């Protein structure tokens, strides 16, 4: 009997000593959907790292195929009769040397141009996921576009999450004049229509990946601030925070060691929504000419190009960009939802 009691006591002590993050990881591993989604997200991360290092999609700007080359699955298009050009009628063999001194050189130049064209690498009639109007590989563009679009969405979401969490924690925990000042800043940002605020920041920081990240970061933190502030107001008066204060824990310790882990599931949910929303916002900004530069590619620029191609029946660039975006956004949302459930303090007692 004593051995049973001792084992039960040891088991209870181990359960009590289990940390918040260790318990969250244990619960997360039990969620197969969340774990599988995290694997997909990590695969995208590896793909982005490979694209950034130049291991894949390095030649996305090369015109490797014929214009609007169809996907390999569909096969090559039927070749049009002739070369599509207008054949110049052959006139009488007249000596034009007296009229044009360069006339004897024309035939030589034509021969050189013909030899140069025959030396060019032949264009491919099909590509794995098709080609765009210039003959660039759509798959390579989608991979390179993943690097920029995901970086913009995740980097801006992390920046907005950091700003919103810090300001919301200060406003909710301290209140008083600090809370009033931060509420005033929040209301100023909220009183300006979001699209006008984006245009104002775009006029200051300009185009480019860094500019888009800055724009979305400083226009998207308000929702995070409002939610974190409410959570800190609610938790700052609870017993475990009062107990920490009674034993001498500092304000920073109570905010970030006691309250923050208990509201992290709320922050994760909001951050995932921000990342998805910012990826969509990058599409809109690039469509309006305020996003990435013309020498770069993203899912937004691909969709902007695809609208003209779709009218002519060339749907593969739209389908490829949409497929990459849908897979990443779905996996990212499911993974963060699983993390939210794993970090939810209400589920601590569940296996």
Protein backbone atom coordinates (compact mmCIF):
# COMPACT_ATOMS: atom_id res chain seq x y z
CA UNK A 1 0.00 0.00 0.00
CA UNK A 2 2.82 2.39 0.87
CA UNK A 3 4.47 1.70 -2.50
CA UNK A 4 1.22 2.56 -4.28
CA UNK A 5 0.87 5.78 -2.31
CA UNK A 6 4.48 6.71 -3.01
CA UNK A 7 4.05 6.10 -6.76
CA UNK A 8 0.84 8.14 -6.78
CA UNK A 9 2.57 10.96 -4.91
CA UNK A 10 5.48 10.94 -7.36
CA UNK A 11 3.07 10.96 -10.28
CA UNK A 12 1.15 13.85 -8.77
CA UNK A 13 4.36 15.80 -8.17
CA UNK A 14 5.43 15.22 -11.79
CA UNK A 15 2.04 16.44 -13.00
CA UNK A 16 2.28 19.54 -10.82
CA UNK A 17 5.83 20.32 -11.93
CA UNK A 18 4.98 20.07 -15.63
CA UNK A 19 5.51 23.47 -17.19
CA UNK A 20 3.06 25.39 -19.36
CA UNK A 21 5.08 24.99 -22.53
CA UNK A 22 5.84 21.30 -21.93
CA UNK A 23 2.16 20.54 -21.37
CA UNK A 24 1.23 22.55 -24.47
CA UNK A 25 3.71 20.60 -26.62
CA UNK A 26 2.37 17.31 -25.26
CA UNK A 27 -1.18 18.26 -26.21
CA UNK A 28 -0.10 19.62 -29.60
CA UNK A 29 1.58 16.33 -30.53
CA UNK A 30 -1.73 14.58 -29.95
CA UNK A 31 -3.50 16.73 -32.58
CA UNK A 32 -2.84 14.96 -35.87
CA UNK A 33 -4.42 17.64 -38.04
CA UNK A 34 -2.45 20.38 -36.34
CA UNK A 35 0.77 18.40 -36.49
CA UNK A 36 0.29 17.62 -40.18
CA UNK A 37 -0.47 21.27 -40.90
CA UNK A 38 2.69 22.30 -39.07
CA UNK A 39 4.66 19.90 -41.29
CA UNK A 40 3.20 21.61 -44.37
CA UNK A 41 4.10 25.04 -42.97
CA UNK A 42 7.65 23.87 -42.26
CA UNK A 43 7.87 22.53 -45.82
CA UNK A 44 6.95 25.98 -47.10
CA UNK A 45 9.60 27.47 -44.80
CA UNK A 46 12.24 25.16 -46.28
CA UNK A 47 11.06 26.06 -49.79
CA UNK A 48 11.34 29.75 -48.97
CA UNK A 49 14.84 29.26 -47.55
CA UNK A 50 15.91 27.38 -50.68
CA UNK A 51 14.50 30.11 -52.91
CA UNK A 52 16.24 32.81 -50.87
CA UNK A 53 19.54 30.92 -51.16
CA UNK A 54 19.13 30.58 -54.92
CA UNK A 55 18.85 26.79 -54.84
CA UNK A 56 15.43 26.79 -56.56
CA UNK A 57 13.57 29.23 -58.82
CA UNK A 58 16.77 31.21 -59.38
CA UNK A 59 16.00 31.60 -63.09
CA UNK A 60 12.34 32.56 -62.71
CA UNK A 61 12.85 35.57 -65.01
CA UNK A 62 14.23 33.49 -67.88
CA UNK A 63 11.95 33.04 -70.88
CA UNK A 64 12.33 29.28 -71.10
CA UNK A 65 9.11 28.55 -72.99
CA UNK A 66 6.97 29.88 -75.76
CA UNK A 67 4.56 32.67 -74.73
CA UNK A 68 1.65 31.26 -72.68
CA UNK A 69 3.03 27.73 -72.89
CA UNK A 70 0.36 25.35 -71.55
CA UNK A 71 0.96 22.94 -68.65
CA UNK A 72 2.65 19.69 -69.60
CA UNK A 73 -0.47 17.76 -68.65
CA UNK A 74 -2.44 19.51 -71.41
CA UNK A 75 0.23 19.05 -74.06
CA UNK A 76 1.52 21.54 -76.60
CA UNK A 77 -0.86 23.79 -78.49
CA UNK A 78 -1.42 23.13 -82.17
CA UNK A 79 1.03 25.23 -84.15
CA UNK A 80 -0.51 27.97 -86.21
CA UNK A 81 -0.09 27.79 -89.95
CA UNK A 82 3.13 29.50 -90.88
CA UNK A 83 5.04 31.70 -88.50
CA UNK A 84 2.25 34.21 -88.07
CA UNK A 85 4.15 36.88 -89.93
CA UNK A 86 3.37 38.66 -93.16
CA UNK A 87 5.56 37.50 -95.93
CA UNK A 88 6.98 40.36 -97.97
CA UNK A 89 6.37 40.02 -101.68
CA UNK A 90 9.46 39.49 -103.75
CA UNK A 91 9.96 42.35 -106.14
CA UNK A 92 12.21 42.47 -109.19
CA UNK A 93 15.94 42.14 -108.61
CA UNK A 94 16.91 45.79 -108.81
CA UNK A 95 20.30 47.26 -107.93
CA UNK A 96 19.62 49.85 -105.23
CA UNK A 97 23.25 50.80 -104.64
CA UNK A 98 22.81 54.18 -106.28
CA UNK A 99 19.77 54.98 -104.09
CA UNK A 100 20.86 53.42 -100.80
CA UNK A 101 24.61 52.98 -100.16
CA UNK A 102 23.87 50.34 -97.50
CA UNK A 103 21.85 48.13 -99.85
CA UNK A 104 24.74 45.67 -100.46
CA UNK A 105 24.98 45.05 -96.72
CA UNK A 106 21.29 44.18 -96.17
CA UNK A 107 21.63 40.60 -97.34
CA UNK A 108 24.69 40.10 -95.14
CA UNK A 109 22.86 41.41 -92.08
CA UNK A 110 19.87 39.20 -92.77
CA UNK A 111 22.13 36.16 -92.95
CA UNK A 112 23.80 37.05 -89.64
CA UNK A 113 20.40 37.51 -87.96
CA UNK A 114 19.27 34.13 -89.31
CA UNK A 115 22.38 32.43 -87.92
CA UNK A 116 21.89 34.11 -84.54
CA UNK A 117 18.30 32.88 -84.33
CA UNK A 118 19.31 29.32 -85.10
CA UNK A 119 21.93 29.44 -82.31
CA UNK A 120 19.37 30.46 -79.66
CA UNK A 121 18.20 27.81 -77.21
CA UNK A 122 14.86 26.47 -78.46
CA UNK A 123 11.83 27.45 -76.42
CA UNK A 124 9.88 24.71 -74.70
CA UNK A 125 6.38 24.07 -76.00
CA UNK A 126 5.08 23.08 -72.55
CA UNK A 127 6.10 23.72 -68.95
CA UNK A 128 5.14 21.74 -65.79
CA UNK A 129 2.60 24.35 -64.62
CA UNK A 130 2.52 26.41 -67.81
CA UNK A 131 4.13 29.69 -68.80
CA UNK A 132 3.14 33.34 -68.70
CA UNK A 133 2.82 35.77 -71.59
CA UNK A 134 6.61 36.09 -71.82
CA UNK A 135 7.31 32.37 -71.59
CA UNK A 136 8.51 32.39 -67.98
CA UNK A 137 7.92 29.25 -65.92
CA UNK A 138 4.81 29.74 -63.75
CA UNK A 139 6.02 27.15 -61.22
CA UNK A 140 9.30 29.00 -60.71
CA UNK A 141 7.39 32.27 -60.36
CA UNK A 142 5.05 30.73 -57.78
CA UNK A 143 7.98 29.42 -55.72
CA UNK A 144 9.76 32.77 -55.82
CA UNK A 145 6.47 34.54 -55.14
CA UNK A 146 5.98 32.33 -52.08
CA UNK A 147 9.20 33.69 -50.65
CA UNK A 148 8.05 37.29 -50.90
CA UNK A 149 4.35 36.89 -50.07
CA UNK A 150 4.87 34.67 -47.03
CA UNK A 151 7.72 36.86 -45.79
CA UNK A 152 5.53 39.95 -46.13
CA UNK A 153 2.54 38.34 -44.39
CA UNK A 154 4.42 36.68 -41.53
CA UNK A 155 6.92 39.51 -40.93
CA UNK A 156 4.17 42.14 -40.87
CA UNK A 157 2.03 39.93 -38.60
CA UNK A 158 4.93 39.46 -36.17
CA UNK A 159 5.61 43.20 -36.16
CA UNK A 160 1.96 44.10 -35.61
CA UNK A 161 1.67 41.38 -32.94
CA UNK A 162 4.69 42.72 -31.08
CA UNK A 163 3.43 46.32 -31.13
CA UNK A 164 -0.14 45.40 -30.24
CA UNK A 165 0.91 43.01 -27.46
CA UNK A 166 3.34 45.43 -25.83
CA UNK A 167 0.95 48.38 -25.93
CA UNK A 168 -2.06 46.28 -24.94
CA UNK A 169 -0.18 44.75 -22.00
CA UNK A 170 0.90 48.17 -20.73
CA UNK A 171 -2.57 49.67 -21.12
CA UNK A 172 -4.39 46.73 -19.56
CA UNK A 173 -1.99 46.10 -16.67
CA UNK A 174 -1.24 49.65 -15.52
CA UNK A 175 -4.34 51.54 -16.63
CA UNK A 176 -4.53 55.13 -15.37
CA UNK A 177 -2.67 57.75 -17.37
CA UNK A 178 -0.70 55.12 -19.28
CA UNK A 179 -3.92 53.47 -20.37
CA UNK A 180 -5.52 56.80 -21.28
CA UNK A 181 -2.52 57.81 -23.43
CA UNK A 182 -2.45 54.50 -25.29
CA UNK A 183 -6.21 54.59 -25.76
CA UNK A 184 -5.84 58.02 -27.36
CA UNK A 185 -3.20 56.67 -29.78
CA UNK A 186 -5.42 53.70 -30.56
CA UNK A 187 -8.44 55.91 -31.25
CA UNK A 188 -6.40 58.15 -33.58
CA UNK A 189 -5.42 55.16 -35.72
CA UNK A 190 -8.94 53.73 -35.63
CA UNK A 191 -10.56 57.04 -36.63
CA UNK A 192 -8.72 57.10 -39.98
CA UNK A 193 -10.09 54.80 -42.72
CA UNK A 194 -7.70 51.90 -43.13
CA UNK A 195 -7.24 52.34 -46.88
CA UNK A 196 -6.33 56.02 -46.45
CA UNK A 197 -3.87 55.12 -43.71
CA UNK A 198 -2.23 52.56 -46.01
CA UNK A 199 -1.97 55.09 -48.83
CA UNK A 200 -0.44 57.65 -46.46
CA UNK A 201 2.24 55.21 -45.27
CA UNK A 202 2.84 54.06 -48.85
CA UNK A 203 3.51 57.66 -49.93
CA UNK A 204 6.14 57.97 -47.17
CA UNK A 205 7.95 54.62 -47.29
CA UNK A 206 7.56 53.90 -51.03
CA UNK A 207 7.33 50.57 -52.83
CA UNK A 208 9.23 47.35 -52.21
CA UNK A 209 9.06 44.40 -49.83
CA UNK A 210 10.37 46.36 -46.84
CA UNK A 211 7.91 49.16 -47.52
CA UNK A 212 4.94 46.76 -47.61
CA UNK A 213 6.02 45.18 -44.31
CA UNK A 214 6.28 48.60 -42.65
CA UNK A 215 2.91 49.70 -44.04
CA UNK A 216 1.07 46.60 -42.85
CA UNK A 217 2.82 46.55 -39.47
CA UNK A 218 1.91 50.10 -38.53
CA UNK A 219 -1.65 49.87 -39.83
CA UNK A 220 -2.57 46.42 -38.47
CA UNK A 221 -1.65 46.45 -34.77
CA UNK A 222 -4.88 47.99 -33.44
CA UNK A 223 -6.94 44.79 -33.34
CA UNK A 224 -4.21 42.98 -31.42
CA UNK A 225 -3.92 45.89 -29.00
CA UNK A 226 -7.65 45.90 -28.23
CA UNK A 227 -7.81 42.16 -27.54
CA UNK A 228 -4.60 41.95 -25.47
CA UNK A 229 -5.64 44.99 -23.41
CA UNK A 230 -8.95 43.32 -22.53
CA UNK A 231 -7.21 40.07 -21.56
CA UNK A 232 -4.66 41.84 -19.33
CA UNK A 233 -7.41 43.83 -17.59
CA UNK A 234 -9.21 40.55 -16.87
CA UNK A 235 -6.15 38.62 -15.66
CA UNK A 236 -4.42 41.37 -13.68
CA UNK A 237 -6.96 41.08 -10.83
CA UNK A 238 -6.98 37.28 -10.58
CA UNK A 239 -5.70 35.32 -7.61
CA UNK A 240 -2.53 33.93 -9.17
CA UNK A 241 -1.38 37.43 -10.14
CA UNK A 242 -2.22 38.80 -6.69
CA UNK A 243 -0.27 35.93 -5.13
CA UNK A 244 2.74 36.69 -7.31
CA UNK A 245 2.52 40.33 -6.23
CA UNK A 246 2.32 39.30 -2.58
CA UNK A 247 5.57 37.32 -2.75
CA UNK A 248 7.38 40.28 -4.33
CA UNK A 249 7.20 39.59 -8.08
CA UNK A 250 7.90 42.69 -10.15
CA UNK A 251 5.40 44.20 -12.57
CA UNK A 252 7.39 42.91 -15.55
CA UNK A 253 7.44 39.41 -14.06
CA UNK A 254 3.70 39.44 -13.45
CA UNK A 255 3.02 40.71 -16.97
CA UNK A 256 5.29 38.46 -18.99
CA UNK A 257 5.88 35.38 -16.79
CA UNK A 258 2.42 34.96 -15.30
CA UNK A 259 -0.21 36.68 -17.47
CA UNK A 260 1.31 36.41 -20.95
CA UNK A 261 1.49 32.57 -21.06
CA UNK A 262 -2.18 32.45 -20.07
CA UNK A 263 -3.26 34.74 -22.90
CA UNK A 264 -0.84 33.41 -25.52
CA UNK A 265 -3.57 31.34 -27.19
CA UNK A 266 -5.54 34.53 -27.87
CA UNK A 267 -2.43 36.21 -29.33
CA UNK A 268 -1.74 33.22 -31.59
CA UNK A 269 -5.25 33.25 -33.01
CA UNK A 270 -5.08 36.97 -33.73
CA UNK A 271 -1.60 36.63 -35.24
CA UNK A 272 -2.75 33.88 -37.61
CA UNK A 273 -5.64 36.08 -38.74
CA UNK A 274 -3.23 38.97 -39.25
CA UNK A 275 -0.84 36.84 -41.33
CA UNK A 276 -3.65 35.62 -43.59
CA UNK A 277 -5.06 39.12 -43.91
CA UNK A 278 -1.66 40.64 -44.67
CA UNK A 279 -1.00 38.10 -47.42
CA UNK A 280 -4.28 39.17 -49.00
CA UNK A 281 -3.41 42.83 -48.44
CA UNK A 282 -0.13 42.35 -50.30
CA UNK A 283 -2.15 41.06 -53.25
CA UNK A 284 -4.28 44.21 -53.24
CA UNK A 285 -1.31 46.55 -52.82
CA UNK A 286 0.59 44.89 -55.66
CA UNK A 287 -2.50 45.07 -57.85
CA UNK A 288 -2.76 48.83 -57.17
CA UNK A 289 0.94 49.35 -57.89
CA UNK A 290 1.84 50.02 -54.24
CA UNK A 291 3.31 46.61 -53.46
CA UNK A 292 6.51 44.93 -54.58
CA UNK A 293 8.68 46.38 -57.33
CA UNK A 294 8.26 45.47 -60.99
CA UNK A 295 11.47 43.41 -60.98
CA UNK A 296 10.09 41.18 -58.19
CA UNK A 297 7.34 38.59 -58.16
CA UNK A 298 4.74 37.69 -55.54
CA UNK A 299 1.37 36.00 -55.46
CA UNK A 300 -0.15 39.46 -55.83
CA UNK A 301 1.72 40.32 -59.02
CA UNK A 302 0.93 36.88 -60.44
CA UNK A 303 -2.79 37.36 -59.84
CA UNK A 304 -2.61 40.86 -61.33
CA UNK A 305 -1.01 39.46 -64.49
CA UNK A 306 -3.42 36.52 -64.61
CA UNK A 307 -6.51 38.66 -65.03
CA UNK A 308 -5.49 39.65 -68.56
CA UNK A 309 -4.41 36.11 -69.43
CA UNK A 310 -7.69 34.66 -68.17
CA UNK A 311 -9.64 36.61 -70.78
CA UNK A 312 -7.64 34.81 -73.47
CA UNK A 313 -8.20 31.42 -71.85
CA UNK A 314 -4.78 31.09 -70.19
CA UNK A 315 -5.84 30.11 -66.68
CA UNK A 316 -2.74 28.29 -65.36
CA UNK A 317 -0.98 31.25 -63.73
CA UNK A 318 -4.14 32.11 -61.78
CA UNK A 319 -4.63 28.47 -60.75
CA UNK A 320 -1.00 28.02 -59.65
CA UNK A 321 -0.87 31.20 -57.54
CA UNK A 322 -4.25 30.37 -55.99
CA UNK A 323 -3.16 26.78 -55.23
CA UNK A 324 0.04 27.88 -53.45
CA UNK A 325 -1.82 30.55 -51.50
CA UNK A 326 -4.70 28.25 -50.50
CA UNK A 327 -2.42 25.44 -49.29
CA UNK A 328 -0.22 27.71 -47.18
CA UNK A 329 -3.06 29.78 -45.70
CA UNK A 330 -5.10 26.68 -44.81
CA UNK A 331 -2.13 24.87 -43.23
CA UNK A 332 -1.02 27.98 -41.34
CA UNK A 333 -4.53 28.57 -39.97
CA UNK A 334 -4.98 24.95 -38.86
CA UNK A 335 -1.54 24.86 -37.25
CA UNK A 336 -2.12 28.04 -35.27
CA UNK A 337 -5.59 26.83 -34.21
CA UNK A 338 -3.99 23.64 -32.87
CA UNK A 339 -1.39 25.72 -31.02
CA UNK A 340 -4.18 27.85 -29.59
CA UNK A 341 -5.96 24.76 -28.26
CA UNK A 342 -2.71 23.42 -26.82
CA UNK A 343 -1.96 26.66 -25.00
CA UNK A 344 -5.50 27.26 -23.72
CA UNK A 345 -5.32 27.19 -19.91
CA UNK A 346 -8.83 25.68 -19.73
CA UNK A 347 -7.47 22.52 -21.35
CA UNK A 348 -4.59 21.98 -18.91
CA UNK A 349 -6.35 19.17 -17.20
CA UNK A 350 -6.94 17.23 -20.41
CA UNK A 351 -4.53 14.58 -21.66
